[in-house]
């Protein structure tokens, strides 16, 4: 099985829930804190192609609310990817890449279904 990689920000509550779920189910993973490590544009392009930029862009978080009106206006794929590269907190968390599946966000049900 390919290495499972979990991308996110360590002190995020949803990340902690996902990490706990993975540990409780004995699933090994590599954690990448994209606030510290940065997110390569290649990851964002791949994730957008696999999950859709709309799924990746967190419009409910504090970072979205902090953006200027101009930054929030007329968001399309290119603008969303630019914003997420500039402000990694705009990426919905966690992003879990199994090599074949890309899961964005966390619910115990989706993890149980995709990681069995």
PDB file of N, CA and C in Angstrom:
ATOM      1  N   UNK A   1       0.851  -1.191   0.000  1.00  0.00           N
ATOM      2  CA  UNK A   1       0.000   0.000   0.000  1.00  0.00           C
ATOM      3  C   UNK A   1       0.887   1.242   0.000  1.00  0.00           C
ATOM      4  N   UNK A   2       0.511   2.217  -0.755  1.00  0.00           N
ATOM      5  CA  UNK A   2       1.261   3.469  -0.819  1.00  0.00           C
ATOM      6  C   UNK A   2       1.201   4.166   0.541  1.00  0.00           C
ATOM      7  N   UNK A   3       2.204   4.989   0.784  1.00  0.00           N
ATOM      8  CA  UNK A   3       2.226   5.755   2.021  1.00  0.00           C
ATOM      9  C   UNK A   3       1.068   6.749   2.030  1.00  0.00           C
ATOM     10  N   UNK A   4       0.322   6.741   3.107  1.00  0.00           N
ATOM     11  CA  UNK A   4      -0.762   7.697   3.273  1.00  0.00           C
ATOM     12  C   UNK A   4      -0.156   8.988   3.792  1.00  0.00           C
ATOM     13  N   UNK A   5      -0.491  10.076   3.141  1.00  0.00           N
ATOM     14  CA  UNK A   5       0.024  11.376   3.558  1.00  0.00           C
ATOM     15  C   UNK A   5      -1.149  12.256   3.971  1.00  0.00           C
ATOM     16  N   UNK A   6      -1.009  12.847   5.142  1.00  0.00           N
ATOM     17  CA  UNK A   6      -2.035  13.697   5.714  1.00  0.00           C
ATOM     18  C   UNK A   6      -1.483  15.122   5.760  1.00  0.00           C
ATOM     19  N   UNK A   7      -2.142  16.007   5.031  1.00  0.00           N
ATOM     20  CA  UNK A   7      -1.723  17.397   4.951  1.00  0.00           C
ATOM     21  C   UNK A   7      -2.670  18.260   5.768  1.00  0.00           C
ATOM     22  N   UNK A   8      -2.113  19.231   6.472  1.00  0.00           N
ATOM     23  CA  UNK A   8      -2.948  20.142   7.229  1.00  0.00           C
ATOM     24  C   UNK A   8      -2.130  21.025   8.144  1.00  0.00           C
ATOM     25  N   UNK A   9      -2.788  21.545   9.150  1.00  0.00           N
ATOM     26  CA  UNK A   9      -2.168  22.410  10.141  1.00  0.00           C
ATOM     27  C   UNK A   9      -2.336  21.716  11.485  1.00  0.00           C
ATOM     28  N   UNK A  10      -1.232  21.483  12.171  1.00  0.00           N
ATOM     29  CA  UNK A  10      -1.217  20.622  13.352  1.00  0.00           C
ATOM     30  C   UNK A  10      -2.220  21.016  14.434  1.00  0.00           C
ATOM     31  N   UNK A  11      -2.390  22.295  14.703  1.00  0.00           N
ATOM     32  CA  UNK A  11      -3.240  22.683  15.831  1.00  0.00           C
ATOM     33  C   UNK A  11      -4.713  22.884  15.464  1.00  0.00           C
ATOM     34  N   UNK A  12      -5.118  22.408  14.325  1.00  0.00           N
ATOM     35  CA  UNK A  12      -6.516  22.490  13.889  1.00  0.00           C
ATOM     36  C   UNK A  12      -7.319  21.362  14.546  1.00  0.00           C
ATOM     37  N   UNK A  13      -8.485  21.683  15.081  1.00  0.00           N
ATOM     38  CA  UNK A  13      -9.318  20.685  15.752  1.00  0.00           C
ATOM     39  C   UNK A  13      -9.727  19.547  14.831  1.00  0.00           C
ATOM     40  N   UNK A  14     -10.063  19.859  13.588  1.00  0.00           N
ATOM     41  CA  UNK A  14     -10.460  18.809  12.642  1.00  0.00           C
ATOM     42  C   UNK A  14      -9.273  17.898  12.335  1.00  0.00           C
ATOM     43  N   UNK A  15      -8.083  18.477  12.259  1.00  0.00           N
ATOM     44  CA  UNK A  15      -6.877  17.666  12.047  1.00  0.00           C
ATOM     45  C   UNK A  15      -6.687  16.695  13.210  1.00  0.00           C
ATOM     46  N   UNK A  16      -6.878  17.186  14.423  1.00  0.00           N
ATOM     47  CA  UNK A  16      -6.706  16.341  15.608  1.00  0.00           C
ATOM     48  C   UNK A  16      -7.697  15.175  15.578  1.00  0.00           C
ATOM     49  N   UNK A  17      -8.928  15.433  15.149  1.00  0.00           N
ATOM     50  CA  UNK A  17      -9.927  14.362  15.043  1.00  0.00           C
ATOM     51  C   UNK A  17      -9.496  13.326  14.009  1.00  0.00           C
ATOM     52  N   UNK A  18      -8.994  13.801  12.868  1.00  0.00           N
ATOM     53  CA  UNK A  18      -8.553  12.877  11.817  1.00  0.00           C
ATOM     54  C   UNK A  18      -7.359  12.049  12.294  1.00  0.00           C
ATOM     55  N   UNK A  19      -6.402  12.692  12.957  1.00  0.00           N
ATOM     56  CA  UNK A  19      -5.222  11.975  13.453  1.00  0.00           C
ATOM     57  C   UNK A  19      -5.619  10.933  14.499  1.00  0.00           C
ATOM     58  N   UNK A  20      -6.543  11.293  15.375  1.00  0.00           N
ATOM     59  CA  UNK A  20      -7.022  10.358  16.392  1.00  0.00           C
ATOM     60  C   UNK A  20      -7.709   9.175  15.727  1.00  0.00           C
ATOM     61  N   UNK A  21      -8.550   9.447  14.722  1.00  0.00           N
ATOM     62  CA  UNK A  21      -9.255   8.369  14.014  1.00  0.00           C
ATOM     63  C   UNK A  21      -8.244   7.422  13.369  1.00  0.00           C
ATOM     64  N   UNK A  22      -7.252   7.974  12.685  1.00  0.00           N
ATOM     65  CA  UNK A  22      -6.240   7.139  12.026  1.00  0.00           C
ATOM     66  C   UNK A  22      -5.482   6.296  13.049  1.00  0.00           C
ATOM     67  N   UNK A  23      -5.078   6.909  14.171  1.00  0.00           N
ATOM     68  CA  UNK A  23      -4.355   6.179  15.218  1.00  0.00           C
ATOM     69  C   UNK A  23      -5.228   5.078  15.816  1.00  0.00           C
ATOM     70  N   UNK A  24      -6.486   5.395  16.091  1.00  0.00           N
ATOM     71  CA  UNK A  24      -7.403   4.418  16.677  1.00  0.00           C
ATOM     72  C   UNK A  24      -7.652   3.222  15.756  1.00  0.00           C
ATOM     73  N   UNK A  25      -7.494   3.438  14.459  1.00  0.00           N
ATOM     74  CA  UNK A  25      -7.715   2.354  13.488  1.00  0.00           C
ATOM     75  C   UNK A  25      -6.410   1.736  12.989  1.00  0.00           C
ATOM     76  N   UNK A  26      -5.302   2.089  13.629  1.00  0.00           N
ATOM     77  CA  UNK A  26      -4.009   1.492  13.300  1.00  0.00           C
ATOM     78  C   UNK A  26      -3.515   1.811  11.905  1.00  0.00           C
ATOM     79  N   UNK A  27      -3.870   2.975  11.398  1.00  0.00           N
ATOM     80  CA  UNK A  27      -3.465   3.356  10.047  1.00  0.00           C
ATOM     81  C   UNK A  27      -2.276   4.308  10.136  1.00  0.00           C
ATOM     82  N   UNK A  28      -1.158   3.861   9.597  1.00  0.00           N
ATOM     83  CA  UNK A  28       0.062   4.676   9.603  1.00  0.00           C
ATOM     84  C   UNK A  28      -0.033   5.747   8.526  1.00  0.00           C
ATOM     85  N   UNK A  29       0.544   6.901   8.809  1.00  0.00           N
ATOM     86  CA  UNK A  29       0.510   7.999   7.851  1.00  0.00           C
ATOM     87  C   UNK A  29       1.700   8.925   8.089  1.00  0.00           C
ATOM     88  N   UNK A  30       1.998   9.692   7.081  1.00  0.00           N
ATOM     89  CA  UNK A  30       3.010  10.739   7.178  1.00  0.00           C
ATOM     90  C   UNK A  30       2.257  12.061   7.263  1.00  0.00           C
ATOM     91  N   UNK A  31       2.562  12.865   8.274  1.00  0.00           N
ATOM     92  CA  UNK A  31       1.901  14.153   8.444  1.00  0.00           C
ATOM     93  C   UNK A  31       2.762  15.264   7.874  1.00  0.00           C
ATOM     94  N   UNK A  32       2.162  16.117   7.056  1.00  0.00           N
ATOM     95  CA  UNK A  32       2.840  17.289   6.497  1.00  0.00           C
ATOM     96  C   UNK A  32       2.068  18.527   6.920  1.00  0.00           C
ATOM     97  N   UNK A  33       2.698  19.350   7.747  1.00  0.00           N
ATOM     98  CA  UNK A  33       2.092  20.602   8.188  1.00  0.00           C
ATOM     99  C   UNK A  33       2.368  21.630   7.095  1.00  0.00           C
ATOM    100  N   UNK A  34       1.349  21.939   6.309  1.00  0.00           N
ATOM    101  CA  UNK A  34       1.614  22.823   5.175  1.00  0.00           C
ATOM    102  C   UNK A  34       1.723  24.282   5.564  1.00  0.00           C
ATOM    103  N   UNK A  35       1.483  24.592   6.789  1.00  0.00           N
ATOM    104  CA  UNK A  35       1.734  25.960   7.245  1.00  0.00           C
ATOM    105  C   UNK A  35       3.242  26.142   7.467  1.00  0.00           C
ATOM    106  N   UNK A  36       3.898  25.080   7.954  1.00  0.00           N
ATOM    107  CA  UNK A  36       5.341  25.127   8.192  1.00  0.00           C
ATOM    108  C   UNK A  36       6.131  24.745   6.946  1.00  0.00           C
ATOM    109  N   UNK A  37       5.704  23.680   6.280  1.00  0.00           N
ATOM    110  CA  UNK A  37       6.447  23.155   5.133  1.00  0.00           C
ATOM    111  C   UNK A  37       6.109  23.876   3.837  1.00  0.00           C
ATOM    112  N   UNK A  38       4.995  24.586   3.842  1.00  0.00           N
ATOM    113  CA  UNK A  38       4.537  25.201   2.602  1.00  0.00           C
ATOM    114  C   UNK A  38       3.848  24.162   1.740  1.00  0.00           C
ATOM    115  N   UNK A  39       3.085  24.618   0.810  1.00  0.00           N
ATOM    116  CA  UNK A  39       2.397  23.709  -0.106  1.00  0.00           C
ATOM    117  C   UNK A  39       2.894  24.020  -1.504  1.00  0.00           C
ATOM    118  N   UNK A  40       3.486  23.040  -2.109  1.00  0.00           N
ATOM    119  CA  UNK A  40       3.979  23.224  -3.469  1.00  0.00           C
ATOM    120  C   UNK A  40       2.804  23.408  -4.416  1.00  0.00           C
ATOM    121  N   UNK A  41       2.993  24.273  -5.383  1.00  0.00           N
ATOM    122  CA  UNK A  41       1.946  24.506  -6.379  1.00  0.00           C
ATOM    123  C   UNK A  41       1.543  23.199  -7.060  1.00  0.00           C
ATOM    124  N   UNK A  42       2.494  22.276  -7.162  1.00  0.00           N
ATOM    125  CA  UNK A  42       2.174  20.995  -7.796  1.00  0.00           C
ATOM    126  C   UNK A  42       1.134  20.220  -6.985  1.00  0.00           C
ATOM    127  N   UNK A  43       1.179  20.307  -5.671  1.00  0.00           N
ATOM    128  CA  UNK A  43       0.164  19.647  -4.851  1.00  0.00           C
ATOM    129  C   UNK A  43      -1.200  20.276  -5.098  1.00  0.00           C
ATOM    130  N   UNK A  44      -1.253  21.588  -5.086  1.00  0.00           N
ATOM    131  CA  UNK A  44      -2.547  22.264  -5.271  1.00  0.00           C
ATOM    132  C   UNK A  44      -3.160  21.930  -6.620  1.00  0.00           C
ATOM    133  N   UNK A  45      -2.357  21.935  -7.652  1.00  0.00           N
ATOM    134  CA  UNK A  45      -2.870  21.603  -8.993  1.00  0.00           C
ATOM    135  C   UNK A  45      -3.395  20.174  -9.029  1.00  0.00           C
ATOM    136  N   UNK A  46      -2.639  19.255  -8.457  1.00  0.00           N
ATOM    137  CA  UNK A  46      -3.051  17.848  -8.403  1.00  0.00           C
ATOM    138  C   UNK A  46      -4.335  17.699  -7.595  1.00  0.00           C
ATOM    139  N   UNK A  47      -4.372  18.321  -6.418  1.00  0.00           N
ATOM    140  CA  UNK A  47      -5.558  18.218  -5.565  1.00  0.00           C
ATOM    141  C   UNK A  47      -6.784  18.805  -6.252  1.00  0.00           C
ATOM    142  N   UNK A  48      -6.614  19.942  -6.910  1.00  0.00           N
ATOM    143  CA  UNK A  48      -7.742  20.573  -7.607  1.00  0.00           C
ATOM    144  C   UNK A  48      -8.238  19.677  -8.739  1.00  0.00           C
ATOM    145  N   UNK A  49      -7.307  19.031  -9.430  1.00  0.00           N
ATOM    146  CA  UNK A  49      -7.694  18.130 -10.521  1.00  0.00           C
ATOM    147  C   UNK A  49      -8.443  16.911  -9.977  1.00  0.00           C
ATOM    148  N   UNK A  50      -8.052  16.433  -8.811  1.00  0.00           N
ATOM    149  CA  UNK A  50      -8.644  15.216  -8.241  1.00  0.00           C
ATOM    150  C   UNK A  50      -9.910  15.484  -7.425  1.00  0.00           C
ATOM    151  N   UNK A  51      -9.974  16.635  -6.753  1.00  0.00           N
ATOM    152  CA  UNK A  51     -11.111  16.885  -5.859  1.00  0.00           C
ATOM    153  C   UNK A  51     -11.937  18.104  -6.256  1.00  0.00           C
ATOM    154  N   UNK A  52     -11.376  18.966  -7.088  1.00  0.00           N
ATOM    155  CA  UNK A  52     -12.053  20.202  -7.460  1.00  0.00           C
ATOM    156  C   UNK A  52     -11.627  21.349  -6.560  1.00  0.00           C
ATOM    157  N   UNK A  53     -11.353  22.499  -7.156  1.00  0.00           N
ATOM    158  CA  UNK A  53     -10.896  23.638  -6.350  1.00  0.00           C
ATOM    159  C   UNK A  53     -11.968  24.108  -5.383  1.00  0.00           C
ATOM    160  N   UNK A  54     -13.237  23.940  -5.758  1.00  0.00           N
ATOM    161  CA  UNK A  54     -14.327  24.355  -4.879  1.00  0.00           C
ATOM    162  C   UNK A  54     -14.329  23.546  -3.585  1.00  0.00           C
ATOM    163  N   UNK A  55     -13.972  22.270  -3.681  1.00  0.00           N
ATOM    164  CA  UNK A  55     -13.898  21.409  -2.508  1.00  0.00           C
ATOM    165  C   UNK A  55     -12.729  21.806  -1.616  1.00  0.00           C
ATOM    166  N   UNK A  56     -11.616  22.185  -2.232  1.00  0.00           N
ATOM    167  CA  UNK A  56     -10.414  22.548  -1.474  1.00  0.00           C
ATOM    168  C   UNK A  56     -10.519  23.887  -0.769  1.00  0.00           C
ATOM    169  N   UNK A  57     -11.198  24.829  -1.368  1.00  0.00           N
ATOM    170  CA  UNK A  57     -11.238  26.193  -0.837  1.00  0.00           C
ATOM    171  C   UNK A  57     -12.180  26.278   0.356  1.00  0.00           C
ATOM    172  N   UNK A  58     -11.635  26.646   1.496  1.00  0.00           N
ATOM    173  CA  UNK A  58     -12.417  26.767   2.718  1.00  0.00           C
ATOM    174  C   UNK A  58     -12.963  28.182   2.833  1.00  0.00           C
ATOM    175  N   UNK A  59     -14.214  28.335   2.452  1.00  0.00           N
ATOM    176  CA  UNK A  59     -14.861  29.654   2.507  1.00  0.00           C
ATOM    177  C   UNK A  59     -15.532  29.914   3.853  1.00  0.00           C
ATOM    178  N   UNK A  60     -15.471  28.957   4.765  1.00  0.00           N
ATOM    179  CA  UNK A  60     -16.125  29.136   6.058  1.00  0.00           C
ATOM    180  C   UNK A  60     -15.156  29.506   7.172  1.00  0.00           C
ATOM    181  N   UNK A  61     -13.877  29.442   6.893  1.00  0.00           N
ATOM    182  CA  UNK A  61     -12.886  29.684   7.932  1.00  0.00           C
ATOM    183  C   UNK A  61     -12.575  31.151   8.155  1.00  0.00           C
ATOM    184  N   UNK A  62     -11.836  31.401   9.210  1.00  0.00           N
ATOM    185  CA  UNK A  62     -11.443  32.745   9.589  1.00  0.00           C
ATOM    186  C   UNK A  62     -10.585  33.418   8.522  1.00  0.00           C
ATOM    187  N   UNK A  63      -9.710  32.638   7.886  1.00  0.00           N
ATOM    188  CA  UNK A  63      -8.832  33.232   6.870  1.00  0.00           C
ATOM    189  C   UNK A  63      -9.641  33.817   5.721  1.00  0.00           C
ATOM    190  N   UNK A  64     -10.695  33.135   5.300  1.00  0.00           N
ATOM    191  CA  UNK A  64     -11.550  33.637   4.216  1.00  0.00           C
ATOM    192  C   UNK A  64     -12.164  34.972   4.614  1.00  0.00           C
ATOM    193  N   UNK A  65     -12.606  35.068   5.856  1.00  0.00           N
ATOM    194  CA  UNK A  65     -13.232  36.297   6.342  1.00  0.00           C
ATOM    195  C   UNK A  65     -12.239  37.447   6.430  1.00  0.00           C
ATOM    196  N   UNK A  66     -10.963  37.117   6.614  1.00  0.00           N
ATOM    197  CA  UNK A  66      -9.919  38.147   6.708  1.00  0.00           C
ATOM    198  C   UNK A  66      -9.505  38.706   5.346  1.00  0.00           C
ATOM    199  N   UNK A  67      -9.837  37.995   4.266  1.00  0.00           N
ATOM    200  CA  UNK A  67      -9.469  38.467   2.932  1.00  0.00           C
ATOM    201  C   UNK A  67     -10.217  39.752   2.606  1.00  0.00           C
ATOM    202  N   UNK A  68      -9.626  40.531   1.741  1.00  0.00           N
ATOM    203  CA  UNK A  68     -10.308  41.754   1.299  1.00  0.00           C
ATOM    204  C   UNK A  68     -11.473  41.380   0.388  1.00  0.00           C
ATOM    205  N   UNK A  69     -12.384  42.326   0.198  1.00  0.00           N
ATOM    206  CA  UNK A  69     -13.507  42.092  -0.718  1.00  0.00           C
ATOM    207  C   UNK A  69     -12.995  41.771  -2.113  1.00  0.00           C
ATOM    208  N   UNK A  70     -11.939  42.449  -2.536  1.00  0.00           N
ATOM    209  CA  UNK A  70     -11.367  42.213  -3.869  1.00  0.00           C
ATOM    210  C   UNK A  70     -10.823  40.796  -3.988  1.00  0.00           C
ATOM    211  N   UNK A  71     -10.190  40.306  -2.917  1.00  0.00           N
ATOM    212  CA  UNK A  71      -9.645  38.946  -2.964  1.00  0.00           C
ATOM    213  C   UNK A  71     -10.767  37.907  -3.008  1.00  0.00           C
ATOM    214  N   UNK A  72     -11.879  38.175  -2.338  1.00  0.00           N
ATOM    215  CA  UNK A  72     -13.001  37.220  -2.315  1.00  0.00           C
ATOM    216  C   UNK A  72     -13.875  37.303  -3.556  1.00  0.00           C
ATOM    217  N   UNK A  73     -13.737  38.357  -4.339  1.00  0.00           N
ATOM    218  CA  UNK A  73     -14.609  38.557  -5.503  1.00  0.00           C
ATOM    219  C   UNK A  73     -14.140  37.735  -6.704  1.00  0.00           C
ATOM    220  N   UNK A  74     -15.114  37.268  -7.467  1.00  0.00           N
ATOM    221  CA  UNK A  74     -14.860  36.608  -8.755  1.00  0.00           C
ATOM    222  C   UNK A  74     -13.816  35.498  -8.664  1.00  0.00           C
ATOM    223  N   UNK A  75     -13.968  34.622  -7.686  1.00  0.00           N
ATOM    224  CA  UNK A  75     -13.008  33.532  -7.527  1.00  0.00           C
ATOM    225  C   UNK A  75     -13.299  32.451  -8.566  1.00  0.00           C
ATOM    226  N   UNK A  76     -12.266  32.124  -9.315  1.00  0.00           N
ATOM    227  CA  UNK A  76     -12.312  31.006 -10.254  1.00  0.00           C
ATOM    228  C   UNK A  76     -11.173  30.060  -9.883  1.00  0.00           C
ATOM    229  N   UNK A  77     -10.953  29.034 -10.678  1.00  0.00           N
ATOM    230  CA  UNK A  77      -9.939  28.032 -10.346  1.00  0.00           C
ATOM    231  C   UNK A  77      -8.554  28.655 -10.184  1.00  0.00           C
ATOM    232  N   UNK A  78      -8.142  29.483 -11.127  1.00  0.00           N
ATOM    233  CA  UNK A  78      -6.803  30.078 -11.076  1.00  0.00           C
ATOM    234  C   UNK A  78      -6.644  30.970  -9.846  1.00  0.00           C
ATOM    235  N   UNK A  79      -7.637  31.786  -9.582  1.00  0.00           N
ATOM    236  CA  UNK A  79      -7.561  32.691  -8.431  1.00  0.00           C
ATOM    237  C   UNK A  79      -7.581  31.889  -7.132  1.00  0.00           C
ATOM    238  N   UNK A  80      -8.404  30.860  -7.063  1.00  0.00           N
ATOM    239  CA  UNK A  80      -8.473  30.034  -5.862  1.00  0.00           C
ATOM    240  C   UNK A  80      -7.128  29.378  -5.574  1.00  0.00           C
ATOM    241  N   UNK A  81      -6.487  28.833  -6.586  1.00  0.00           N
ATOM    242  CA  UNK A  81      -5.184  28.185  -6.390  1.00  0.00           C
ATOM    243  C   UNK A  81      -4.133  29.198  -5.941  1.00  0.00           C
ATOM    244  N   UNK A  82      -4.172  30.395  -6.520  1.00  0.00           N
ATOM    245  CA  UNK A  82      -3.238  31.452  -6.114  1.00  0.00           C
ATOM    246  C   UNK A  82      -3.467  31.833  -4.653  1.00  0.00           C
ATOM    247  N   UNK A  83      -4.722  32.012  -4.270  1.00  0.00           N
ATOM    248  CA  UNK A  83      -5.041  32.366  -2.887  1.00  0.00           C
ATOM    249  C   UNK A  83      -4.623  31.261  -1.917  1.00  0.00           C
ATOM    250  N   UNK A  84      -4.881  30.001  -2.266  1.00  0.00           N
ATOM    251  CA  UNK A  84      -4.522  28.891  -1.376  1.00  0.00           C
ATOM    252  C   UNK A  84      -3.009  28.749  -1.240  1.00  0.00           C
ATOM    253  N   UNK A  85      -2.270  29.027  -2.322  1.00  0.00           N
ATOM    254  CA  UNK A  85      -0.812  28.984  -2.242  1.00  0.00           C
ATOM    255  C   UNK A  85      -0.296  30.109  -1.343  1.00  0.00           C
ATOM    256  N   UNK A  86      -0.918  31.261  -1.442  1.00  0.00           N
ATOM    257  CA  UNK A  86      -0.509  32.427  -0.650  1.00  0.00           C
ATOM    258  C   UNK A  86      -0.942  32.295   0.813  1.00  0.00           C
ATOM    259  N   UNK A  87      -2.124  31.752   1.021  1.00  0.00           N
ATOM    260  CA  UNK A  87      -2.697  31.602   2.369  1.00  0.00           C
ATOM    261  C   UNK A  87      -3.105  30.141   2.584  1.00  0.00           C
ATOM    262  N   UNK A  88      -2.184  29.280   3.011  1.00  0.00           N
ATOM    263  CA  UNK A  88      -2.498  27.855   3.163  1.00  0.00           C
ATOM    264  C   UNK A  88      -3.685  27.571   4.088  1.00  0.00           C
ATOM    265  N   UNK A  89      -3.995  28.483   4.998  1.00  0.00           N
ATOM    266  CA  UNK A  89      -5.141  28.272   5.885  1.00  0.00           C
ATOM    267  C   UNK A  89      -6.462  28.257   5.111  1.00  0.00           C
ATOM    268  N   UNK A  90      -6.448  28.679   3.854  1.00  0.00           N
ATOM    269  CA  UNK A  90      -7.650  28.626   3.024  1.00  0.00           C
ATOM    270  C   UNK A  90      -7.935  27.221   2.484  1.00  0.00           C
ATOM    271  N   UNK A  91      -6.986  26.309   2.656  1.00  0.00           N
ATOM    272  CA  UNK A  91      -7.183  24.943   2.180  1.00  0.00           C
ATOM    273  C   UNK A  91      -7.971  24.179   3.238  1.00  0.00           C
ATOM    274  N   UNK A  92      -9.070  23.596   2.813  1.00  0.00           N
ATOM    275  CA  UNK A  92      -9.898  22.804   3.732  1.00  0.00           C
ATOM    276  C   UNK A  92      -9.046  21.679   4.296  1.00  0.00           C
ATOM    277  N   UNK A  93      -9.221  21.424   5.574  1.00  0.00           N
ATOM    278  CA  UNK A  93      -8.401  20.426   6.248  1.00  0.00           C
ATOM    279  C   UNK A  93      -9.269  19.291   6.779  1.00  0.00           C
ATOM    280  N   UNK A  94      -8.617  18.149   6.875  1.00  0.00           N
ATOM    281  CA  UNK A  94      -7.338  17.741   6.321  1.00  0.00           C
ATOM    282  C   UNK A  94      -7.458  17.337   4.857  1.00  0.00           C
ATOM    283  N   UNK A  95      -6.310  17.219   4.222  1.00  0.00           N
ATOM    284  CA  UNK A  95      -6.230  16.627   2.887  1.00  0.00           C
ATOM    285  C   UNK A  95      -5.466  15.322   3.081  1.00  0.00           C
ATOM    286  N   UNK A  96      -6.127  14.209   2.823  1.00  0.00           N
ATOM    287  CA  UNK A  96      -5.518  12.900   3.003  1.00  0.00           C
ATOM    288  C   UNK A  96      -5.360  12.256   1.629  1.00  0.00           C
ATOM    289  N   UNK A  97      -4.117  11.917   1.311  1.00  0.00           N
ATOM    290  CA  UNK A  97      -3.804  11.323   0.011  1.00  0.00           C
ATOM    291  C   UNK A  97      -3.312   9.900   0.219  1.00  0.00           C
ATOM    292  N   UNK A  98      -4.077   8.939  -0.273  1.00  0.00           N
ATOM    293  CA  UNK A  98      -3.687   7.528  -0.147  1.00  0.00           C
ATOM    294  C   UNK A  98      -2.869   7.061  -1.344  1.00  0.00           C
ATOM    295  N   UNK A  99      -2.744   7.918  -2.328  1.00  0.00           N
ATOM    296  CA  UNK A  99      -2.098   7.523  -3.573  1.00  0.00           C
ATOM    297  C   UNK A  99      -3.133   7.247  -4.656  1.00  0.00           C
ATOM    298  N   UNK A 100      -4.266   6.676  -4.249  1.00  0.00           N
ATOM    299  CA  UNK A 100      -5.354   6.440  -5.205  1.00  0.00           C
ATOM    300  C   UNK A 100      -6.578   7.288  -4.880  1.00  0.00           C
ATOM    301  N   UNK A 101      -6.781   7.602  -3.606  1.00  0.00           N
ATOM    302  CA  UNK A 101      -7.917   8.414  -3.153  1.00  0.00           C
ATOM    303  C   UNK A 101      -7.403   9.728  -2.583  1.00  0.00           C
ATOM    304  N   UNK A 102      -8.192  10.772  -2.746  1.00  0.00           N
ATOM    305  CA  UNK A 102      -7.903  12.053  -2.117  1.00  0.00           C
ATOM    306  C   UNK A 102      -9.144  12.445  -1.330  1.00  0.00           C
ATOM    307  N   UNK A 103      -9.002  12.511  -0.018  1.00  0.00           N
ATOM    308  CA  UNK A 103     -10.112  12.882   0.851  1.00  0.00           C
ATOM    309  C   UNK A 103      -9.859  14.284   1.387  1.00  0.00           C
ATOM    310  N   UNK A 104     -10.819  15.164   1.214  1.00  0.00           N
ATOM    311  CA  UNK A 104     -10.695  16.543   1.686  1.00  0.00           C
ATOM    312  C   UNK A 104     -11.741  16.748   2.776  1.00  0.00           C
ATOM    313  N   UNK A 105     -11.288  17.197   3.943  1.00  0.00           N
ATOM    314  CA  UNK A 105     -12.174  17.303   5.091  1.00  0.00           C
ATOM    315  C   UNK A 105     -12.178  15.972   5.822  1.00  0.00           C
ATOM    316  N   UNK A 106     -12.827  15.941   6.977  1.00  0.00           N
ATOM    317  CA  UNK A 106     -12.864  14.710   7.768  1.00  0.00           C
ATOM    318  C   UNK A 106     -14.263  14.414   8.270  1.00  0.00           C
ATOM    319  N   UNK A 107     -14.683  13.198   8.028  1.00  0.00           N
ATOM    320  CA  UNK A 107     -15.813  12.610   8.744  1.00  0.00           C
ATOM    321  C   UNK A 107     -15.408  11.164   9.016  1.00  0.00           C
ATOM    322  N   UNK A 108     -15.752  10.629  10.180  1.00  0.00           N
ATOM    323  CA  UNK A 108     -15.412   9.231  10.459  1.00  0.00           C
ATOM    324  C   UNK A 108     -15.977   8.288   9.395  1.00  0.00           C
ATOM    325  N   UNK A 109     -17.161   8.612   8.893  1.00  0.00           N
ATOM    326  CA  UNK A 109     -17.804   7.748   7.886  1.00  0.00           C
ATOM    327  C   UNK A 109     -17.003   7.705   6.582  1.00  0.00           C
ATOM    328  N   UNK A 110     -16.538   8.862   6.110  1.00  0.00           N
ATOM    329  CA  UNK A 110     -15.792   8.874   4.844  1.00  0.00           C
ATOM    330  C   UNK A 110     -14.453   8.162   4.995  1.00  0.00           C
ATOM    331  N   UNK A 111     -13.794   8.343   6.128  1.00  0.00           N
ATOM    332  CA  UNK A 111     -12.523   7.648   6.359  1.00  0.00           C
ATOM    333  C   UNK A 111     -12.768   6.140   6.438  1.00  0.00           C
ATOM    334  N   UNK A 112     -13.800   5.712   7.161  1.00  0.00           N
ATOM    335  CA  UNK A 112     -14.081   4.284   7.292  1.00  0.00           C
ATOM    336  C   UNK A 112     -14.379   3.665   5.932  1.00  0.00           C
ATOM    337  N   UNK A 113     -15.117   4.381   5.101  1.00  0.00           N
ATOM    338  CA  UNK A 113     -15.464   3.854   3.770  1.00  0.00           C
ATOM    339  C   UNK A 113     -14.264   3.765   2.859  1.00  0.00           C
ATOM    340  N   UNK A 114     -13.414   4.793   2.854  1.00  0.00           N
ATOM    341  CA  UNK A 114     -12.312   4.851   1.891  1.00  0.00           C
ATOM    342  C   UNK A 114     -11.034   4.183   2.367  1.00  0.00           C
ATOM    343  N   UNK A 115     -10.887   3.958   3.663  1.00  0.00           N
ATOM    344  CA  UNK A 115      -9.628   3.437   4.189  1.00  0.00           C
ATOM    345  C   UNK A 115      -9.746   2.026   4.736  1.00  0.00           C
ATOM    346  N   UNK A 116     -10.767   1.298   4.327  1.00  0.00           N
ATOM    347  CA  UNK A 116     -10.918  -0.063   4.839  1.00  0.00           C
ATOM    348  C   UNK A 116      -9.955  -1.036   4.212  1.00  0.00           C
TER     349      UNK A 116
END
